[in-house]
Structure formats: C-alpha cells, structure tokens
Amino acid sequence: MDRNPMLRWLICAISLCGIGACHTATERRREVSAENGTVSQTACYRYVNGRDTVHLRLITDRDSVNGTLHFKNYQVDGSSGSVSGRLHGDTLVVLYDFFAEGMHSITEEAFLVQGDTYVRGFGERQETAGIHRFIDRRTIDFSDGQAFHTVPCAADRAD
C-alpha cells in the first residue's frame, strides 16, 4: 500500500510542468492580449552561409507582421533593423528599415512561407520616395533564395 500518495502526485505534477516548460526549435511563443483577445506569435529564424549569418525574429498577429532582421557578414559590414509588413497568401512582404555602414535605408523584402521555413526572394528593385521596392512582385525569384530555418528565440542573435 502506498504510504504517501500526495507526495507521488506532487512529484508527477512537477515533472509534467518541467516537460511543459521545455521548448523545441519549432515551438512558437503565443501571447494573448486581454484587451482585444488577439493572439500574437513570436518565432525566430536563422540563415547561415559559411561565416555569414542572418537572424529574423517575427511577431505575427493575424496577417500583420513586425520584428527584426540582422545581417552578420564575415569581412563585410552587416546591417540591423526592424521589419513590418503583411502576409499575402504564402508570401510575407515587409519593409526592412535598417542601418548599414552608418547609412539609413528602407528596402522591401519578400519571403515565401514553406511550413516552418521562410525563403528570402530576390528581384529587381527601384527607389521611390526613399524606399527600394520590388518593381514587380510577381517576378520575385525564390528558387535560389536564402532558406531561414526555425531556431529557439533565445539563440536567434548570437553576435
């Protein structure tokens, strides 16, 4: 006969809490705003090519997205700034507002969403009113794009 069922229950509850507190790379943090009942998700991604690393942190609320983008390049100046934009079907289009080499710039960026991976697309841009925008979003090429894979947000900025 079990002499201490309460202790066994407590150990089991603590173990389950510990398991629930663990996060894998593909889990996302969800926050619910009590004011309006909306749900926002924070997810982090990284692209690595040799010694170059790009970090992307996205906070998504419905189809609206905000976050940060940080390019850390080997032997070339990097850049760091904020992103804001919208999801259009399976494509995220954002404005990247950043500083590089002491200069302020705003550039339109596009990412194709493929499950938990975001593929950065490339295309011809034109400057209009100080913002470098894609000339034609339909011609953005994602075939050789940079694939950003999910990482834990605690490790998304390893400077």
N, C-alpha and C. Protein backbone atom coordinates (compact mmCIF):
# COMPACT_ATOMS: atom_id res chain seq x y z
N MET A 1 0.84 -1.18 0.00
CA MET A 1 0.00 0.00 0.00
C MET A 1 0.90 1.25 0.00
N ASP A 2 0.52 2.24 -0.82
CA ASP A 2 1.29 3.48 -0.96
C ASP A 2 1.05 4.35 0.27
N ARG A 3 2.13 4.66 1.00
CA ARG A 3 2.02 5.40 2.24
C ARG A 3 1.95 6.91 2.02
N ASN A 4 2.36 7.38 0.83
CA ASN A 4 2.39 8.81 0.61
C ASN A 4 1.87 9.16 -0.79
N PRO A 5 0.57 8.98 -1.04
CA PRO A 5 0.03 9.25 -2.38
C PRO A 5 0.13 10.74 -2.75
N MET A 6 0.07 11.62 -1.79
CA MET A 6 0.16 13.05 -2.06
C MET A 6 1.55 13.40 -2.59
N LEU A 7 2.58 12.82 -2.03
CA LEU A 7 3.95 13.07 -2.48
C LEU A 7 4.13 12.56 -3.91
N ARG A 8 3.61 11.39 -4.20
CA ARG A 8 3.71 10.83 -5.56
C ARG A 8 2.99 11.75 -6.56
N TRP A 9 1.83 12.24 -6.18
CA TRP A 9 1.07 13.16 -7.06
C TRP A 9 1.85 14.44 -7.28
N LEU A 10 2.47 15.00 -6.25
CA LEU A 10 3.24 16.23 -6.34
C LEU A 10 4.45 16.05 -7.26
N ILE A 11 5.15 14.94 -7.14
CA ILE A 11 6.31 14.67 -7.99
C ILE A 11 5.86 14.55 -9.45
N CYS A 12 4.76 13.88 -9.68
CA CYS A 12 4.22 13.74 -11.04
C CYS A 12 3.85 15.11 -11.62
N ALA A 13 3.19 15.96 -10.84
CA ALA A 13 2.78 17.29 -11.31
C ALA A 13 4.00 18.15 -11.63
N ILE A 14 5.02 18.10 -10.79
CA ILE A 14 6.23 18.88 -11.04
C ILE A 14 6.93 18.39 -12.31
N SER A 15 6.97 17.08 -12.50
CA SER A 15 7.59 16.53 -13.71
C SER A 15 6.87 16.99 -14.96
N LEU A 16 5.54 16.97 -14.92
CA LEU A 16 4.77 17.42 -16.08
C LEU A 16 4.99 18.90 -16.36
N CYS A 17 5.09 19.71 -15.32
CA CYS A 17 5.36 21.14 -15.51
C CYS A 17 6.72 21.33 -16.15
N GLY A 18 7.70 20.56 -15.73
CA GLY A 18 9.04 20.66 -16.30
C GLY A 18 9.06 20.29 -17.76
N ILE A 19 8.33 19.23 -18.11
CA ILE A 19 8.24 18.82 -19.51
C ILE A 19 7.55 19.90 -20.32
N GLY A 20 6.50 20.48 -19.79
CA GLY A 20 5.77 21.53 -20.50
C GLY A 20 6.57 22.79 -20.68
N ALA A 21 7.54 23.03 -19.81
CA ALA A 21 8.35 24.24 -19.91
C ALA A 21 9.43 24.12 -20.97
N CYS A 22 9.75 22.91 -21.39
CA CYS A 22 10.77 22.72 -22.43
C CYS A 22 10.23 23.17 -23.77
N HIS A 23 11.10 23.74 -24.59
CA HIS A 23 10.70 24.22 -25.91
C HIS A 23 11.62 23.61 -26.96
N THR A 24 11.07 23.12 -28.04
CA THR A 24 11.88 22.68 -29.16
C THR A 24 12.05 23.84 -30.12
N ALA A 25 12.90 23.67 -31.11
CA ALA A 25 13.17 24.75 -32.06
C ALA A 25 11.95 25.12 -32.87
N THR A 26 10.99 24.21 -33.01
CA THR A 26 9.84 24.52 -33.85
C THR A 26 8.66 25.09 -33.08
N GLU A 27 8.75 25.15 -31.76
CA GLU A 27 7.65 25.72 -31.00
C GLU A 27 7.68 27.23 -31.06
N ARG A 28 6.53 27.84 -30.98
CA ARG A 28 6.43 29.30 -31.02
C ARG A 28 5.78 29.79 -29.74
N ARG A 29 6.22 30.96 -29.31
CA ARG A 29 5.62 31.57 -28.13
C ARG A 29 4.36 32.30 -28.56
N ARG A 30 3.26 32.06 -27.84
CA ARG A 30 1.99 32.70 -28.13
C ARG A 30 1.62 33.61 -26.98
N GLU A 31 1.17 34.81 -27.30
CA GLU A 31 0.71 35.75 -26.29
C GLU A 31 -0.70 36.19 -26.64
N VAL A 32 -1.55 36.20 -25.65
CA VAL A 32 -2.92 36.64 -25.86
C VAL A 32 -3.10 37.99 -25.18
N SER A 33 -3.57 38.95 -25.94
CA SER A 33 -3.83 40.27 -25.39
C SER A 33 -5.21 40.25 -24.74
N ALA A 34 -5.25 40.56 -23.45
CA ALA A 34 -6.52 40.56 -22.73
C ALA A 34 -7.43 41.68 -23.21
N GLU A 35 -6.84 42.74 -23.76
CA GLU A 35 -7.64 43.89 -24.18
C GLU A 35 -8.55 43.56 -25.35
N ASN A 36 -7.99 42.92 -26.38
CA ASN A 36 -8.81 42.70 -27.57
C ASN A 36 -8.91 41.24 -27.98
N GLY A 37 -8.34 40.31 -27.21
CA GLY A 37 -8.47 38.90 -27.49
C GLY A 37 -7.66 38.41 -28.68
N THR A 38 -6.77 39.23 -29.23
CA THR A 38 -5.97 38.79 -30.36
C THR A 38 -4.81 37.93 -29.87
N VAL A 39 -4.33 37.07 -30.74
CA VAL A 39 -3.23 36.18 -30.42
C VAL A 39 -2.04 36.56 -31.29
N SER A 40 -0.90 36.81 -30.67
CA SER A 40 0.31 37.08 -31.43
C SER A 40 1.28 35.93 -31.20
N GLN A 41 2.07 35.63 -32.23
CA GLN A 41 3.07 34.57 -32.14
C GLN A 41 4.44 35.16 -32.42
N THR A 42 5.42 34.75 -31.64
CA THR A 42 6.79 35.15 -31.87
C THR A 42 7.56 33.92 -32.32
N ALA A 43 8.28 34.05 -33.43
CA ALA A 43 9.09 32.95 -33.95
C ALA A 43 10.41 33.52 -34.45
N CYS A 44 11.46 32.71 -34.36
CA CYS A 44 12.78 33.15 -34.76
C CYS A 44 13.36 32.19 -35.79
N TYR A 45 14.13 32.77 -36.71
CA TYR A 45 14.67 32.02 -37.84
C TYR A 45 16.12 32.44 -38.07
N ARG A 46 16.88 31.54 -38.70
CA ARG A 46 18.27 31.85 -38.99
C ARG A 46 18.66 31.24 -40.34
N TYR A 47 19.45 32.02 -41.08
CA TYR A 47 20.06 31.55 -42.32
C TYR A 47 21.57 31.63 -42.14
N VAL A 48 22.27 30.55 -42.48
CA VAL A 48 23.72 30.52 -42.36
C VAL A 48 24.32 30.09 -43.69
N ASN A 49 25.33 30.85 -44.13
CA ASN A 49 26.08 30.50 -45.33
C ASN A 49 27.55 30.77 -45.03
N GLY A 50 28.30 29.71 -44.77
CA GLY A 50 29.70 29.88 -44.38
C GLY A 50 29.79 30.64 -43.08
N ARG A 51 30.46 31.80 -43.09
CA ARG A 51 30.61 32.62 -41.89
C ARG A 51 29.57 33.74 -41.83
N ASP A 52 28.68 33.79 -42.79
CA ASP A 52 27.60 34.79 -42.80
C ASP A 52 26.37 34.22 -42.11
N THR A 53 25.73 35.03 -41.28
CA THR A 53 24.53 34.61 -40.57
C THR A 53 23.50 35.73 -40.62
N VAL A 54 22.26 35.35 -40.87
CA VAL A 54 21.17 36.31 -40.87
C VAL A 54 20.12 35.81 -39.88
N HIS A 55 19.70 36.69 -38.98
CA HIS A 55 18.71 36.36 -37.96
C HIS A 55 17.42 37.12 -38.26
N LEU A 56 16.30 36.43 -38.12
CA LEU A 56 14.98 37.00 -38.37
C LEU A 56 14.08 36.66 -37.20
N ARG A 57 13.50 37.67 -36.57
CA ARG A 57 12.54 37.48 -35.47
C ARG A 57 11.22 38.09 -35.94
N LEU A 58 10.15 37.28 -35.93
CA LEU A 58 8.85 37.74 -36.40
C LEU A 58 7.80 37.63 -35.31
N ILE A 59 7.03 38.69 -35.17
CA ILE A 59 5.88 38.70 -34.27
C ILE A 59 4.67 38.85 -35.17
N THR A 60 3.85 37.80 -35.23
CA THR A 60 2.73 37.74 -36.15
C THR A 60 1.42 37.88 -35.38
N ASP A 61 0.54 38.75 -35.86
CA ASP A 61 -0.79 38.92 -35.32
C ASP A 61 -1.74 38.94 -36.50
N ARG A 62 -2.40 37.81 -36.71
CA ARG A 62 -3.23 37.60 -37.91
C ARG A 62 -2.35 37.69 -39.14
N ASP A 63 -2.59 38.65 -40.04
CA ASP A 63 -1.75 38.76 -41.23
C ASP A 63 -0.72 39.89 -41.11
N SER A 64 -0.67 40.55 -39.97
CA SER A 64 0.27 41.63 -39.73
C SER A 64 1.54 41.07 -39.07
N VAL A 65 2.70 41.52 -39.55
CA VAL A 65 3.97 41.00 -39.05
C VAL A 65 4.92 42.16 -38.73
N ASN A 66 5.57 42.07 -37.58
CA ASN A 66 6.62 43.00 -37.17
C ASN A 66 7.78 42.18 -36.64
N GLY A 67 8.94 42.80 -36.55
CA GLY A 67 10.07 42.07 -36.00
C GLY A 67 11.38 42.74 -36.30
N THR A 68 12.45 41.93 -36.32
CA THR A 68 13.79 42.43 -36.57
C THR A 68 14.50 41.54 -37.58
N LEU A 69 15.45 42.13 -38.27
CA LEU A 69 16.28 41.41 -39.23
C LEU A 69 17.71 41.89 -39.01
N HIS A 70 18.64 40.95 -38.87
CA HIS A 70 20.02 41.29 -38.54
C HIS A 70 20.96 40.47 -39.43
N PHE A 71 21.74 41.14 -40.26
CA PHE A 71 22.73 40.51 -41.12
C PHE A 71 24.10 40.63 -40.47
N LYS A 72 24.74 39.50 -40.20
CA LYS A 72 26.09 39.49 -39.65
C LYS A 72 26.97 38.79 -40.69
N ASN A 73 27.73 39.60 -41.41
CA ASN A 73 28.53 39.10 -42.51
C ASN A 73 30.00 39.04 -42.13
N TYR A 74 30.69 38.05 -42.65
CA TYR A 74 32.12 37.90 -42.42
C TYR A 74 32.87 38.84 -43.35
N GLN A 75 33.70 39.69 -42.81
CA GLN A 75 34.56 40.63 -43.53
C GLN A 75 33.80 41.65 -44.38
N VAL A 76 32.52 41.79 -44.15
CA VAL A 76 31.71 42.81 -44.83
C VAL A 76 30.78 43.40 -43.78
N ASP A 77 30.52 44.70 -43.87
CA ASP A 77 29.62 45.32 -42.90
C ASP A 77 28.25 44.64 -42.93
N GLY A 78 27.69 44.48 -41.77
CA GLY A 78 26.36 43.91 -41.65
C GLY A 78 25.33 45.02 -41.57
N SER A 79 24.11 44.63 -41.28
CA SER A 79 23.05 45.60 -41.09
C SER A 79 22.07 45.05 -40.06
N SER A 80 21.32 45.96 -39.46
CA SER A 80 20.37 45.56 -38.44
C SER A 80 19.23 46.56 -38.42
N GLY A 81 18.01 46.05 -38.31
CA GLY A 81 16.88 46.96 -38.26
C GLY A 81 15.57 46.23 -38.02
N SER A 82 14.49 46.94 -38.24
CA SER A 82 13.15 46.41 -37.99
C SER A 82 12.46 46.05 -39.31
N VAL A 83 11.52 45.12 -39.21
CA VAL A 83 10.69 44.76 -40.35
C VAL A 83 9.23 44.91 -39.96
N SER A 84 8.42 45.31 -40.92
CA SER A 84 6.97 45.36 -40.70
C SER A 84 6.29 45.16 -42.04
N GLY A 85 5.22 44.38 -42.02
CA GLY A 85 4.52 44.11 -43.27
C GLY A 85 3.34 43.20 -43.06
N ARG A 86 2.97 42.49 -44.15
CA ARG A 86 1.78 41.65 -44.14
C ARG A 86 2.03 40.35 -44.88
N LEU A 87 1.28 39.34 -44.47
CA LEU A 87 1.24 38.09 -45.21
C LEU A 87 0.22 38.22 -46.33
N HIS A 88 0.63 37.83 -47.51
CA HIS A 88 -0.24 37.80 -48.69
C HIS A 88 -0.25 36.35 -49.17
N GLY A 89 -1.21 35.57 -48.69
CA GLY A 89 -1.22 34.14 -49.01
C GLY A 89 -0.02 33.47 -48.38
N ASP A 90 0.87 32.87 -49.23
CA ASP A 90 2.06 32.20 -48.72
C ASP A 90 3.31 33.08 -48.80
N THR A 91 3.12 34.38 -49.01
CA THR A 91 4.25 35.29 -49.16
C THR A 91 4.18 36.41 -48.12
N LEU A 92 5.28 36.59 -47.42
CA LEU A 92 5.41 37.67 -46.46
C LEU A 92 6.17 38.80 -47.14
N VAL A 93 5.57 39.98 -47.20
CA VAL A 93 6.22 41.17 -47.77
C VAL A 93 6.37 42.19 -46.64
N VAL A 94 7.63 42.62 -46.42
CA VAL A 94 7.92 43.55 -45.33
C VAL A 94 8.78 44.70 -45.84
N LEU A 95 8.77 45.79 -45.08
CA LEU A 95 9.74 46.85 -45.28
C LEU A 95 10.81 46.67 -44.22
N TYR A 96 12.05 46.61 -44.65
CA TYR A 96 13.20 46.46 -43.77
C TYR A 96 13.81 47.84 -43.58
N ASP A 97 13.67 48.40 -42.39
CA ASP A 97 14.16 49.73 -42.04
C ASP A 97 15.43 49.53 -41.23
N PHE A 98 16.61 49.86 -41.83
CA PHE A 98 17.87 49.45 -41.22
C PHE A 98 18.98 50.48 -41.39
N PHE A 99 20.07 50.22 -40.67
CA PHE A 99 21.29 50.99 -40.79
C PHE A 99 22.40 50.04 -41.22
N ALA A 100 23.19 50.47 -42.20
CA ALA A 100 24.37 49.74 -42.65
C ALA A 100 25.44 50.76 -43.04
N GLU A 101 26.64 50.55 -42.55
CA GLU A 101 27.75 51.45 -42.82
C GLU A 101 27.40 52.90 -42.48
N GLY A 102 26.61 53.09 -41.43
CA GLY A 102 26.23 54.42 -40.99
C GLY A 102 25.14 55.08 -41.81
N MET A 103 24.62 54.38 -42.78
CA MET A 103 23.58 54.92 -43.66
C MET A 103 22.23 54.28 -43.33
N HIS A 104 21.18 55.10 -43.34
CA HIS A 104 19.82 54.63 -43.12
C HIS A 104 19.18 54.28 -44.46
N SER A 105 18.53 53.11 -44.52
CA SER A 105 17.85 52.68 -45.74
C SER A 105 16.55 51.96 -45.40
N ILE A 106 15.66 51.94 -46.37
CA ILE A 106 14.42 51.15 -46.26
C ILE A 106 14.29 50.35 -47.55
N THR A 107 14.17 49.03 -47.40
CA THR A 107 14.11 48.14 -48.54
C THR A 107 12.96 47.15 -48.37
N GLU A 108 12.24 46.91 -49.43
CA GLU A 108 11.19 45.90 -49.41
C GLU A 108 11.85 44.52 -49.52
N GLU A 109 11.40 43.61 -48.67
CA GLU A 109 11.89 42.23 -48.69
C GLU A 109 10.69 41.31 -48.82
N ALA A 110 10.90 40.13 -49.41
CA ALA A 110 9.82 39.15 -49.56
C ALA A 110 10.33 37.78 -49.15
N PHE A 111 9.47 37.04 -48.47
CA PHE A 111 9.78 35.69 -48.01
C PHE A 111 8.63 34.76 -48.39
N LEU A 112 8.97 33.63 -49.00
CA LEU A 112 7.98 32.60 -49.31
C LEU A 112 7.89 31.68 -48.10
N VAL A 113 6.70 31.50 -47.56
CA VAL A 113 6.50 30.67 -46.37
C VAL A 113 6.30 29.23 -46.82
N GLN A 114 7.20 28.35 -46.35
CA GLN A 114 7.12 26.93 -46.66
C GLN A 114 7.17 26.16 -45.34
N GLY A 115 6.01 25.97 -44.72
CA GLY A 115 5.96 25.33 -43.41
C GLY A 115 6.62 26.21 -42.37
N ASP A 116 7.67 25.68 -41.71
CA ASP A 116 8.41 26.44 -40.70
C ASP A 116 9.65 27.11 -41.29
N THR A 117 9.74 27.16 -42.61
CA THR A 117 10.88 27.78 -43.28
C THR A 117 10.41 29.00 -44.07
N TYR A 118 11.21 30.06 -44.01
CA TYR A 118 10.94 31.27 -44.79
C TYR A 118 12.07 31.40 -45.81
N VAL A 119 11.73 31.47 -47.09
CA VAL A 119 12.73 31.59 -48.15
C VAL A 119 12.73 33.03 -48.66
N ARG A 120 13.88 33.69 -48.52
CA ARG A 120 14.01 35.08 -48.96
C ARG A 120 14.15 35.12 -50.47
N GLY A 121 13.34 35.96 -51.08
CA GLY A 121 13.37 36.09 -52.52
C GLY A 121 14.18 37.28 -52.99
N PHE A 122 14.53 37.24 -54.26
CA PHE A 122 15.32 38.30 -54.86
C PHE A 122 14.64 38.79 -56.13
N GLY A 123 14.80 40.06 -56.40
CA GLY A 123 14.23 40.63 -57.61
C GLY A 123 14.71 42.05 -57.80
N GLU A 124 14.42 42.58 -58.96
CA GLU A 124 14.84 43.94 -59.29
C GLU A 124 14.02 44.94 -58.49
N ARG A 125 14.73 45.93 -57.93
CA ARG A 125 14.08 46.97 -57.13
C ARG A 125 14.34 48.33 -57.74
N GLN A 126 13.46 49.24 -57.37
CA GLN A 126 13.59 50.63 -57.80
C GLN A 126 13.30 51.52 -56.61
N GLU A 127 14.08 52.59 -56.48
CA GLU A 127 13.87 53.52 -55.37
C GLU A 127 12.76 54.50 -55.72
N THR A 128 11.79 54.58 -54.81
CA THR A 128 10.70 55.54 -54.94
C THR A 128 10.46 56.14 -53.57
N ALA A 129 10.57 57.46 -53.48
CA ALA A 129 10.35 58.18 -52.22
C ALA A 129 11.24 57.63 -51.10
N GLY A 130 12.48 57.27 -51.44
CA GLY A 130 13.43 56.82 -50.43
C GLY A 130 13.30 55.37 -50.04
N ILE A 131 12.40 54.61 -50.67
CA ILE A 131 12.20 53.20 -50.35
C ILE A 131 12.51 52.37 -51.59
N HIS A 132 13.36 51.36 -51.42
CA HIS A 132 13.71 50.45 -52.52
C HIS A 132 12.66 49.33 -52.56
N ARG A 133 11.77 49.40 -53.55
CA ARG A 133 10.67 48.43 -53.67
C ARG A 133 10.88 47.54 -54.90
N PHE A 134 10.32 46.34 -54.82
CA PHE A 134 10.34 45.45 -55.98
C PHE A 134 9.58 46.12 -57.12
N ILE A 135 10.12 46.06 -58.30
CA ILE A 135 9.46 46.65 -59.45
C ILE A 135 8.18 45.88 -59.77
N ASP A 136 8.25 44.55 -59.70
CA ASP A 136 7.09 43.70 -59.96
C ASP A 136 7.17 42.50 -59.02
N ARG A 137 6.31 42.45 -58.02
CA ARG A 137 6.34 41.35 -57.03
C ARG A 137 6.12 40.00 -57.67
N ARG A 138 5.46 39.96 -58.81
CA ARG A 138 5.21 38.67 -59.49
C ARG A 138 6.49 38.05 -60.03
N THR A 139 7.55 38.86 -60.17
CA THR A 139 8.81 38.33 -60.72
C THR A 139 9.85 38.04 -59.65
N ILE A 140 9.48 38.10 -58.38
CA ILE A 140 10.43 37.78 -57.31
C ILE A 140 10.82 36.30 -57.44
N ASP A 141 12.12 36.05 -57.39
CA ASP A 141 12.65 34.69 -57.56
C ASP A 141 12.99 34.09 -56.20
N PHE A 142 12.30 33.02 -55.85
CA PHE A 142 12.55 32.33 -54.58
C PHE A 142 13.35 31.05 -54.79
N SER A 143 13.64 30.69 -56.04
CA SER A 143 14.28 29.39 -56.32
C SER A 143 15.68 29.28 -55.73
N ASP A 144 16.46 30.34 -55.74
CA ASP A 144 17.81 30.32 -55.14
C ASP A 144 17.87 31.20 -53.90
N GLY A 145 16.73 31.36 -53.25
CA GLY A 145 16.65 32.25 -52.10
C GLY A 145 17.30 31.67 -50.86
N GLN A 146 17.50 32.51 -49.88
CA GLN A 146 18.07 32.11 -48.61
C GLN A 146 16.99 31.46 -47.76
N ALA A 147 17.21 30.22 -47.33
CA ALA A 147 16.23 29.49 -46.52
C ALA A 147 16.51 29.73 -45.04
N PHE A 148 15.55 30.39 -44.37
CA PHE A 148 15.63 30.67 -42.95
C PHE A 148 14.91 29.55 -42.21
N HIS A 149 15.63 28.89 -41.31
CA HIS A 149 15.05 27.78 -40.55
C HIS A 149 14.77 28.21 -39.12
N THR A 150 13.77 27.59 -38.53
CA THR A 150 13.35 27.92 -37.17
C THR A 150 14.47 27.62 -36.17
N VAL A 151 14.66 28.55 -35.25
CA VAL A 151 15.60 28.39 -34.14
C VAL A 151 14.91 28.88 -32.88
N PRO A 152 15.38 28.44 -31.71
CA PRO A 152 14.83 28.99 -30.48
C PRO A 152 15.13 30.49 -30.41
N CYS A 153 14.18 31.26 -29.96
CA CYS A 153 14.37 32.72 -29.92
C CYS A 153 15.51 33.12 -29.00
N ALA A 154 15.81 32.36 -27.99
CA ALA A 154 16.92 32.71 -27.11
C ALA A 154 18.25 32.66 -27.85
N ALA A 155 18.32 31.90 -28.95
CA ALA A 155 19.58 31.77 -29.70
C ALA A 155 19.53 32.49 -31.03
N ASP A 156 18.54 33.37 -31.22
CA ASP A 156 18.38 33.99 -32.55
C ASP A 156 19.36 35.11 -32.81
N ARG A 157 20.08 35.59 -31.80
CA ARG A 157 21.06 36.67 -32.01
C ARG A 157 22.36 36.31 -31.32
N ALA A 158 23.16 35.53 -31.96
CA ALA A 158 24.47 35.18 -31.39
C ALA A 158 25.52 36.09 -32.01
N ASP A 159 25.68 37.29 -31.45
CA ASP A 159 26.62 38.26 -32.02
C ASP A 159 28.03 37.84 -31.80
